[in-house]
Amino acid sequence: QAQLVESGGGLVHPGESLRLSCAASGIRFSISAMGWYRQAPGKQRELVAELNSGAGTNYADSVRGRFTLSGDGAKKMVYLQMSSLKPEDTAVYYCNMKAERGRYIYWGQGTQVTVSS
C-alpha cells in the first residue's frame, strides 16, 4: 500500500521559515515528478512547486524566490524549504508524487502551515 507521510508544518510568524518533508513508501514504480500543493480555506488546491524528471522545477509565481523544492526520486523523498513566509501562505500543504509518467498519482494526508502574527 503506497503511503506518503509529511512532516514539518506548524505555526510561525510572518517572515519566518519552515521546512516540510515527505517520505514515500510502498511505491514500486519509478517517480517521474514530485512536489507540493496547498489548499487554503475556501480555495481550490493549487500547485506550489513540482520537480519533473528531466524538465526542472516549476514554482507558483506567488512563492518563486521564497520557496525551494528539493528531492530524491530514488529515495522517494521530497522537501520544501519555505522562507519569508506570509499570512497568505497559510494552508494545508500536500505532498504529491507521480509515477510512470503520471499514470499513478499519490497524495499525502496534508500538513497544516499557519503564518500569523
C-alpha atoms as a PDB file:
ATOM      1  CA  GLN A   1       0.000   0.000   0.000  1.00  0.00           C
ATOM      2  CA  ALA A   2       1.503   3.320  -1.109  1.00  0.00           C
ATOM      3  CA  GLN A   3       1.846   5.930   1.593  1.00  0.00           C
ATOM      4  CA  LEU A   4       3.222   9.478   1.661  1.00  0.00           C
ATOM      5  CA  VAL A   5       3.972  10.877   5.109  1.00  0.00           C
ATOM      6  CA  GLU A   6       4.526  14.600   5.563  1.00  0.00           C
ATOM      7  CA  SER A   7       6.096  16.437   8.470  1.00  0.00           C
ATOM      8  CA  GLY A   8       7.306  19.900   9.366  1.00  0.00           C
ATOM      9  CA  GLY A   9       4.171  22.002   9.376  1.00  0.00           C
ATOM     10  CA  GLY A  10       3.314  24.359  12.183  1.00  0.00           C
ATOM     11  CA  LEU A  11       2.595  27.895  13.312  1.00  0.00           C
ATOM     12  CA  VAL A  12       5.108  30.625  12.505  1.00  0.00           C
ATOM     13  CA  HIS A  13       5.228  34.413  12.405  1.00  0.00           C
ATOM     14  CA  PRO A  14       5.444  36.368   9.151  1.00  0.00           C
ATOM     15  CA  GLY A  15       8.993  36.416   7.818  1.00  0.00           C
ATOM     16  CA  GLU A  16       9.976  33.145   9.455  1.00  0.00           C
ATOM     17  CA  SER A  17      10.877  29.853   7.786  1.00  0.00           C
ATOM     18  CA  LEU A  18       9.667  26.258   7.777  1.00  0.00           C
ATOM     19  CA  ARG A  19      10.855  23.089   6.093  1.00  0.00           C
ATOM     20  CA  LEU A  20       8.393  20.438   5.002  1.00  0.00           C
ATOM     21  CA  SER A  21       9.452  16.854   4.423  1.00  0.00           C
ATOM     22  CA  CYS A  22       7.706  13.986   2.700  1.00  0.00           C
ATOM     23  CA  ALA A  23       8.732  10.353   2.621  1.00  0.00           C
ATOM     24  CA  ALA A  24       7.024   7.764   0.441  1.00  0.00           C
ATOM     25  CA  SER A  25       6.791   4.046   0.975  1.00  0.00           C
ATOM     26  CA  GLY A  26       5.128   1.222  -0.870  1.00  0.00           C
ATOM     27  CA  ILE A  27       5.565   2.781  -4.344  1.00  0.00           C
ATOM     28  CA  ARG A  28       7.149   0.255  -6.650  1.00  0.00           C
ATOM     29  CA  PHE A  29       7.198   2.390  -9.783  1.00  0.00           C
ATOM     30  CA  SER A  30       9.727   4.981 -10.900  1.00  0.00           C
ATOM     31  CA  ILE A  31       8.926   8.511  -9.757  1.00  0.00           C
ATOM     32  CA  SER A  32       8.568  10.931 -12.672  1.00  0.00           C
ATOM     33  CA  ALA A  33       7.503  14.027 -10.717  1.00  0.00           C
ATOM     34  CA  MET A  34       7.367  15.125  -7.086  1.00  0.00           C
ATOM     35  CA  GLY A  35       6.252  18.263  -5.374  1.00  0.00           C
ATOM     36  CA  TRP A  36       3.843  20.121  -3.130  1.00  0.00           C
ATOM     37  CA  TYR A  37       0.352  21.517  -3.481  1.00  0.00           C
ATOM     38  CA  ARG A  38      -1.605  23.578  -0.982  1.00  0.00           C
ATOM     39  CA  GLN A  39      -5.210  24.351  -0.198  1.00  0.00           C
ATOM     40  CA  ALA A  40      -6.333  27.368   1.779  1.00  0.00           C
ATOM     41  CA  PRO A  41      -9.801  27.543   3.366  1.00  0.00           C
ATOM     42  CA  GLY A  42     -12.452  28.195   0.737  1.00  0.00           C
ATOM     43  CA  LYS A  43      -9.987  27.877  -2.134  1.00  0.00           C
ATOM     44  CA  GLN A  44      -9.051  25.193  -4.618  1.00  0.00           C
ATOM     45  CA  ARG A  45      -5.932  23.123  -4.243  1.00  0.00           C
ATOM     46  CA  GLU A  46      -3.059  24.741  -6.130  1.00  0.00           C
ATOM     47  CA  LEU A  47       0.411  23.787  -7.217  1.00  0.00           C
ATOM     48  CA  VAL A  48       3.204  25.231  -5.073  1.00  0.00           C
ATOM     49  CA  ALA A  49       6.221  23.598  -6.692  1.00  0.00           C
ATOM     50  CA  GLU A  50       6.941  20.497  -8.706  1.00  0.00           C
ATOM     51  CA  LEU A  51      10.113  18.791  -9.857  1.00  0.00           C
ATOM     52  CA  ASN A  52       9.725  16.910 -13.117  1.00  0.00           C
ATOM     53  CA  SER A  53      12.305  14.364 -14.128  1.00  0.00           C
ATOM     54  CA  GLY A  54      14.325  15.890 -16.929  1.00  0.00           C
ATOM     55  CA  ALA A  55      12.299  19.099 -17.002  1.00  0.00           C
ATOM     56  CA  GLY A  56      13.431  21.032 -13.965  1.00  0.00           C
ATOM     57  CA  THR A  57      11.367  22.643 -11.224  1.00  0.00           C
ATOM     58  CA  ASN A  58       8.216  24.677 -11.644  1.00  0.00           C
ATOM     59  CA  TYR A  59       7.162  27.183  -8.962  1.00  0.00           C
ATOM     60  CA  ALA A  60       3.951  29.096  -8.463  1.00  0.00           C
ATOM     61  CA  ASP A  61       4.516  32.797  -9.056  1.00  0.00           C
ATOM     62  CA  SER A  62       3.438  33.548  -5.501  1.00  0.00           C
ATOM     63  CA  VAL A  63       6.293  31.513  -3.976  1.00  0.00           C
ATOM     64  CA  ARG A  64       9.092  31.859  -6.517  1.00  0.00           C
ATOM     65  CA  GLY A  65      12.200  33.241  -4.837  1.00  0.00           C
ATOM     66  CA  ARG A  66      10.954  32.360  -1.346  1.00  0.00           C
ATOM     67  CA  PHE A  67      10.409  28.593  -1.531  1.00  0.00           C
ATOM     68  CA  THR A  68      12.897  25.956  -2.634  1.00  0.00           C
ATOM     69  CA  LEU A  69      11.951  22.451  -3.652  1.00  0.00           C
ATOM     70  CA  SER A  70      14.389  19.561  -3.439  1.00  0.00           C
ATOM     71  CA  GLY A  71      14.023  15.847  -3.630  1.00  0.00           C
ATOM     72  CA  ASP A  72      15.462  12.429  -4.309  1.00  0.00           C
ATOM     73  CA  GLY A  73      13.431  10.331  -6.686  1.00  0.00           C
ATOM     74  CA  ALA A  74      15.367   7.174  -5.972  1.00  0.00           C
ATOM     75  CA  LYS A  75      14.760   7.539  -2.233  1.00  0.00           C
ATOM     76  CA  LYS A  76      11.236   8.848  -2.870  1.00  0.00           C
ATOM     77  CA  MET A  77      11.662  11.844  -0.601  1.00  0.00           C
ATOM     78  CA  VAL A  78      10.800  15.492  -1.275  1.00  0.00           C
ATOM     79  CA  TYR A  79      11.352  18.663   0.716  1.00  0.00           C
ATOM     80  CA  LEU A  80      10.035  22.204   0.618  1.00  0.00           C
ATOM     81  CA  GLN A  81      12.102  24.942   2.243  1.00  0.00           C
ATOM     82  CA  MET A  82       9.847  27.922   2.852  1.00  0.00           C
ATOM     83  CA  SER A  83      11.339  31.295   3.723  1.00  0.00           C
ATOM     84  CA  SER A  84       9.931  34.770   4.215  1.00  0.00           C
ATOM     85  CA  LEU A  85       6.560  33.264   4.969  1.00  0.00           C
ATOM     86  CA  LYS A  86       3.473  35.429   4.602  1.00  0.00           C
ATOM     87  CA  PRO A  87      -0.018  35.101   6.092  1.00  0.00           C
ATOM     88  CA  GLU A  88      -1.306  34.238   2.611  1.00  0.00           C
ATOM     89  CA  ASP A  89       0.874  31.137   2.671  1.00  0.00           C
ATOM     90  CA  THR A  90      -1.418  29.707   5.342  1.00  0.00           C
ATOM     91  CA  ALA A  91      -2.872  26.452   4.003  1.00  0.00           C
ATOM     92  CA  VAL A  92      -2.799  22.697   4.248  1.00  0.00           C
ATOM     93  CA  TYR A  93       0.222  21.538   2.264  1.00  0.00           C
ATOM     94  CA  TYR A  94       0.042  18.220   0.420  1.00  0.00           C
ATOM     95  CA  CYS A  95       2.928  16.153  -0.831  1.00  0.00           C
ATOM     96  CA  ASN A  96       2.412  14.761  -4.327  1.00  0.00           C
ATOM     97  CA  MET A  97       4.302  12.166  -6.333  1.00  0.00           C
ATOM     98  CA  LYS A  98       3.638  10.885  -9.822  1.00  0.00           C
ATOM     99  CA  ALA A  99       4.942   7.623 -11.182  1.00  0.00           C
ATOM    100  CA  GLU A 100       5.177   6.087 -14.618  1.00  0.00           C
ATOM    101  CA  ARG A 101       4.828   9.462 -16.372  1.00  0.00           C
ATOM    102  CA  GLY A 102       1.723  10.358 -14.397  1.00  0.00           C
ATOM    103  CA  ARG A 103      -0.094   7.070 -14.755  1.00  0.00           C
ATOM    104  CA  TYR A 104      -0.083   6.757 -10.955  1.00  0.00           C
ATOM    105  CA  ILE A 105      -0.620   9.747  -8.648  1.00  0.00           C
ATOM    106  CA  TYR A 106      -0.065   9.674  -4.912  1.00  0.00           C
ATOM    107  CA  TRP A 107      -1.014  12.178  -2.210  1.00  0.00           C
ATOM    108  CA  GLY A 108      -0.001  12.702   1.381  1.00  0.00           C
ATOM    109  CA  GLN A 109      -2.514  13.371   4.123  1.00  0.00           C
ATOM    110  CA  GLY A 110      -1.595  17.048   4.370  1.00  0.00           C
ATOM    111  CA  THR A 111       0.192  19.157   6.947  1.00  0.00           C
ATOM    112  CA  GLN A 112      -1.060  22.490   8.252  1.00  0.00           C
ATOM    113  CA  VAL A 113       1.063  25.600   7.832  1.00  0.00           C
ATOM    114  CA  THR A 114      -0.192  28.705   9.610  1.00  0.00           C
ATOM    115  CA  VAL A 115       1.520  32.073   9.282  1.00  0.00           C
ATOM    116  CA  SER A 116       0.190  34.593  11.767  1.00  0.00           C
ATOM    117  CA  SER A 117       1.409  37.384  13.971  1.00  0.00           C
END
